Amino acid sequence: MTQAPSSASRRRPKLAELISDDIKRWIAAESLGEGDRLPNEKALMELYGSAKATVREALKILEVEGLVTLKTGPKGAR
């Protein structure tokens, strides 16, 4: 007899995870490569209707996975 999955394995993904997954799909669909830029933080906040902290968390997920490099300032992602 198999046990039902524990509540930990059935947790809902966080909004930042959903946004990072969507951005990954967008990067693949647009065939973006090194040096290509994503929309800035403000544009992503408007696009996803989410808070700055959520967008930053999503971008951090992508940075940890090696998909983006974050840069601060007027020419950066933030």
N, C-alpha and C. Protein backbone atom coordinates (compact mmCIF):
# COMPACT_ATOMS: atom_id res chain seq x y z
N MET A 1 0.83 -1.17 0.00
CA MET A 1 0.00 0.00 0.00
C MET A 1 0.89 1.25 0.00
N THR A 2 0.61 2.16 -0.92
CA THR A 2 1.40 3.39 -0.99
C THR A 2 0.76 4.49 -0.16
N GLN A 3 1.63 5.32 0.37
CA GLN A 3 1.15 6.43 1.17
C GLN A 3 0.88 7.63 0.28
N ALA A 4 -0.04 8.45 0.71
CA ALA A 4 -0.31 9.70 0.00
C ALA A 4 0.90 10.61 0.14
N PRO A 5 1.16 11.46 -0.88
CA PRO A 5 2.29 12.38 -0.77
C PRO A 5 2.13 13.29 0.44
N SER A 6 3.24 13.58 1.08
CA SER A 6 3.19 14.47 2.24
C SER A 6 2.86 15.88 1.79
N SER A 7 2.43 16.70 2.71
CA SER A 7 2.07 18.07 2.37
C SER A 7 3.28 18.84 1.84
N ALA A 8 4.49 18.47 2.28
CA ALA A 8 5.69 19.16 1.80
C ALA A 8 5.91 18.92 0.31
N SER A 9 5.58 17.73 -0.18
CA SER A 9 5.80 17.46 -1.60
C SER A 9 4.66 18.00 -2.46
N ARG A 10 3.58 18.46 -1.84
CA ARG A 10 2.45 18.99 -2.58
C ARG A 10 2.32 20.50 -2.45
N ARG A 11 3.33 21.17 -1.97
CA ARG A 11 3.23 22.61 -1.74
C ARG A 11 3.04 23.35 -3.06
N ARG A 12 2.31 24.43 -2.96
CA ARG A 12 2.11 25.27 -4.14
C ARG A 12 3.38 26.04 -4.42
N PRO A 13 3.74 26.19 -5.69
CA PRO A 13 4.95 26.97 -5.99
C PRO A 13 4.74 28.44 -5.60
N LYS A 14 5.80 29.07 -5.18
CA LYS A 14 5.75 30.49 -4.84
C LYS A 14 5.60 31.29 -6.13
N LEU A 15 5.04 32.49 -6.02
CA LEU A 15 4.85 33.34 -7.19
C LEU A 15 6.19 33.62 -7.89
N ALA A 16 7.24 33.84 -7.12
CA ALA A 16 8.55 34.09 -7.73
C ALA A 16 9.01 32.90 -8.57
N GLU A 17 8.71 31.68 -8.14
CA GLU A 17 9.07 30.49 -8.92
C GLU A 17 8.27 30.44 -10.21
N LEU A 18 6.99 30.79 -10.14
CA LEU A 18 6.16 30.80 -11.35
C LEU A 18 6.65 31.86 -12.34
N ILE A 19 7.02 33.02 -11.82
CA ILE A 19 7.53 34.09 -12.69
C ILE A 19 8.85 33.66 -13.31
N SER A 20 9.75 33.08 -12.53
CA SER A 20 11.04 32.65 -13.09
C SER A 20 10.84 31.57 -14.15
N ASP A 21 9.90 30.67 -13.93
CA ASP A 21 9.60 29.65 -14.94
C ASP A 21 9.08 30.29 -16.22
N ASP A 22 8.23 31.31 -16.09
CA ASP A 22 7.69 31.99 -17.25
C ASP A 22 8.80 32.73 -18.01
N ILE A 23 9.69 33.38 -17.28
CA ILE A 23 10.81 34.08 -17.92
C ILE A 23 11.71 33.08 -18.64
N LYS A 24 11.93 31.90 -18.04
CA LYS A 24 12.73 30.85 -18.71
C LYS A 24 12.10 30.47 -20.04
N ARG A 25 10.77 30.28 -20.03
CA ARG A 25 10.07 29.93 -21.28
C ARG A 25 10.23 31.06 -22.30
N TRP A 26 10.15 32.30 -21.84
CA TRP A 26 10.28 33.45 -22.72
C TRP A 26 11.69 33.51 -23.32
N ILE A 27 12.71 33.26 -22.49
CA ILE A 27 14.10 33.26 -22.98
C ILE A 27 14.26 32.21 -24.07
N ALA A 28 13.70 31.02 -23.85
CA ALA A 28 13.80 29.95 -24.85
C ALA A 28 13.01 30.28 -26.11
N ALA A 29 11.80 30.79 -25.95
CA ALA A 29 10.95 31.09 -27.11
C ALA A 29 11.55 32.18 -27.98
N GLU A 30 12.21 33.14 -27.34
CA GLU A 30 12.81 34.26 -28.08
C GLU A 30 14.26 33.96 -28.49
N SER A 31 14.75 32.79 -28.13
CA SER A 31 16.13 32.39 -28.42
C SER A 31 17.12 33.45 -27.94
N LEU A 32 16.91 33.95 -26.73
CA LEU A 32 17.81 34.96 -26.19
C LEU A 32 19.13 34.32 -25.82
N GLY A 33 20.19 35.04 -26.02
CA GLY A 33 21.52 34.53 -25.70
C GLY A 33 22.27 35.49 -24.81
N GLU A 34 23.53 35.19 -24.59
CA GLU A 34 24.36 36.02 -23.73
C GLU A 34 24.41 37.44 -24.28
N GLY A 35 24.21 38.39 -23.38
CA GLY A 35 24.24 39.81 -23.76
C GLY A 35 22.87 40.38 -24.09
N ASP A 36 21.89 39.52 -24.38
CA ASP A 36 20.53 40.01 -24.62
C ASP A 36 19.95 40.45 -23.28
N ARG A 37 19.11 41.48 -23.34
CA ARG A 37 18.56 42.05 -22.11
C ARG A 37 17.11 41.67 -21.91
N LEU A 38 16.78 41.47 -20.65
CA LEU A 38 15.39 41.27 -20.26
C LEU A 38 14.79 42.65 -19.99
N PRO A 39 13.46 42.75 -19.92
CA PRO A 39 12.85 44.02 -19.52
C PRO A 39 13.34 44.41 -18.13
N ASN A 40 13.31 45.70 -17.84
CA ASN A 40 13.79 46.13 -16.52
C ASN A 40 12.81 45.72 -15.42
N GLU A 41 13.26 45.89 -14.20
CA GLU A 41 12.49 45.45 -13.03
C GLU A 41 11.09 46.05 -13.00
N LYS A 42 10.99 47.34 -13.30
CA LYS A 42 9.69 48.01 -13.27
C LYS A 42 8.74 47.41 -14.31
N ALA A 43 9.25 47.15 -15.50
CA ALA A 43 8.43 46.55 -16.55
C ALA A 43 7.97 45.15 -16.15
N LEU A 44 8.85 44.38 -15.52
CA LEU A 44 8.48 43.04 -15.06
C LEU A 44 7.43 43.11 -13.95
N MET A 45 7.55 44.10 -13.08
CA MET A 45 6.55 44.28 -12.02
C MET A 45 5.18 44.55 -12.64
N GLU A 46 5.14 45.39 -13.66
CA GLU A 46 3.88 45.71 -14.32
C GLU A 46 3.34 44.50 -15.09
N LEU A 47 4.23 43.81 -15.78
CA LEU A 47 3.84 42.66 -16.58
C LEU A 47 3.20 41.57 -15.72
N TYR A 48 3.80 41.29 -14.58
CA TYR A 48 3.32 40.21 -13.72
C TYR A 48 2.39 40.70 -12.61
N GLY A 49 2.22 42.01 -12.49
CA GLY A 49 1.36 42.55 -11.45
C GLY A 49 1.82 42.15 -10.06
N SER A 50 3.12 42.17 -9.87
CA SER A 50 3.67 41.72 -8.59
C SER A 50 4.58 42.78 -7.99
N ALA A 51 4.92 42.55 -6.74
CA ALA A 51 5.77 43.47 -5.99
C ALA A 51 7.23 43.36 -6.43
N LYS A 52 7.97 44.42 -6.14
CA LYS A 52 9.39 44.46 -6.47
C LYS A 52 10.15 43.29 -5.86
N ALA A 53 9.84 42.96 -4.61
CA ALA A 53 10.54 41.86 -3.93
C ALA A 53 10.31 40.53 -4.64
N THR A 54 9.11 40.33 -5.15
CA THR A 54 8.80 39.07 -5.86
C THR A 54 9.57 38.99 -7.16
N VAL A 55 9.62 40.09 -7.91
CA VAL A 55 10.37 40.12 -9.17
C VAL A 55 11.86 39.90 -8.89
N ARG A 56 12.36 40.54 -7.86
CA ARG A 56 13.78 40.37 -7.51
C ARG A 56 14.08 38.92 -7.12
N GLU A 57 13.16 38.30 -6.40
CA GLU A 57 13.35 36.90 -6.03
C GLU A 57 13.36 36.01 -7.28
N ALA A 58 12.47 36.29 -8.23
CA ALA A 58 12.42 35.52 -9.47
C ALA A 58 13.73 35.69 -10.25
N LEU A 59 14.23 36.92 -10.33
CA LEU A 59 15.48 37.16 -11.04
C LEU A 59 16.65 36.49 -10.33
N LYS A 60 16.60 36.47 -9.00
CA LYS A 60 17.67 35.82 -8.23
C LYS A 60 17.66 34.31 -8.51
N ILE A 61 16.49 33.72 -8.63
CA ILE A 61 16.39 32.29 -8.98
C ILE A 61 17.09 32.05 -10.31
N LEU A 62 16.82 32.91 -11.29
CA LEU A 62 17.44 32.76 -12.61
C LEU A 62 18.95 32.97 -12.55
N GLU A 63 19.39 33.90 -11.70
CA GLU A 63 20.82 34.15 -11.56
C GLU A 63 21.52 32.94 -10.94
N VAL A 64 20.92 32.36 -9.91
CA VAL A 64 21.50 31.18 -9.25
C VAL A 64 21.60 30.01 -10.24
N GLU A 65 20.62 29.91 -11.14
CA GLU A 65 20.62 28.84 -12.14
C GLU A 65 21.57 29.14 -13.30
N GLY A 66 22.19 30.33 -13.29
CA GLY A 66 23.16 30.68 -14.32
C GLY A 66 22.54 31.18 -15.61
N LEU A 67 21.26 31.54 -15.58
CA LEU A 67 20.58 31.97 -16.81
C LEU A 67 20.67 33.46 -17.06
N VAL A 68 20.84 34.24 -16.01
CA VAL A 68 20.97 35.69 -16.16
C VAL A 68 22.07 36.19 -15.24
N THR A 69 22.55 37.38 -15.56
CA THR A 69 23.48 38.09 -14.70
C THR A 69 22.81 39.40 -14.33
N LEU A 70 22.67 39.65 -13.04
CA LEU A 70 22.02 40.87 -12.59
C LEU A 70 23.04 41.98 -12.42
N LYS A 71 22.65 43.17 -12.89
CA LYS A 71 23.50 44.35 -12.73
C LYS A 71 22.62 45.46 -12.20
N THR A 72 23.14 46.21 -11.23
CA THR A 72 22.37 47.31 -10.68
C THR A 72 22.69 48.59 -11.44
N GLY A 73 21.85 49.58 -11.28
CA GLY A 73 22.08 50.87 -11.90
C GLY A 73 21.29 51.06 -13.17
N PRO A 74 21.46 52.23 -13.81
CA PRO A 74 20.66 52.59 -14.99
C PRO A 74 20.82 51.61 -16.16
N LYS A 75 21.96 51.02 -16.31
CA LYS A 75 22.19 50.08 -17.42
C LYS A 75 21.98 48.63 -17.01
N GLY A 76 21.63 48.40 -15.76
CA GLY A 76 21.47 47.05 -15.25
C GLY A 76 20.02 46.59 -15.28
N ALA A 77 19.79 45.41 -14.72
CA ALA A 77 18.45 44.82 -14.70
C ALA A 77 17.58 45.48 -13.63
N ARG A 78 18.17 46.17 -12.70
CA ARG A 78 17.38 46.79 -11.63
C ARG A 78 17.37 48.28 -11.77
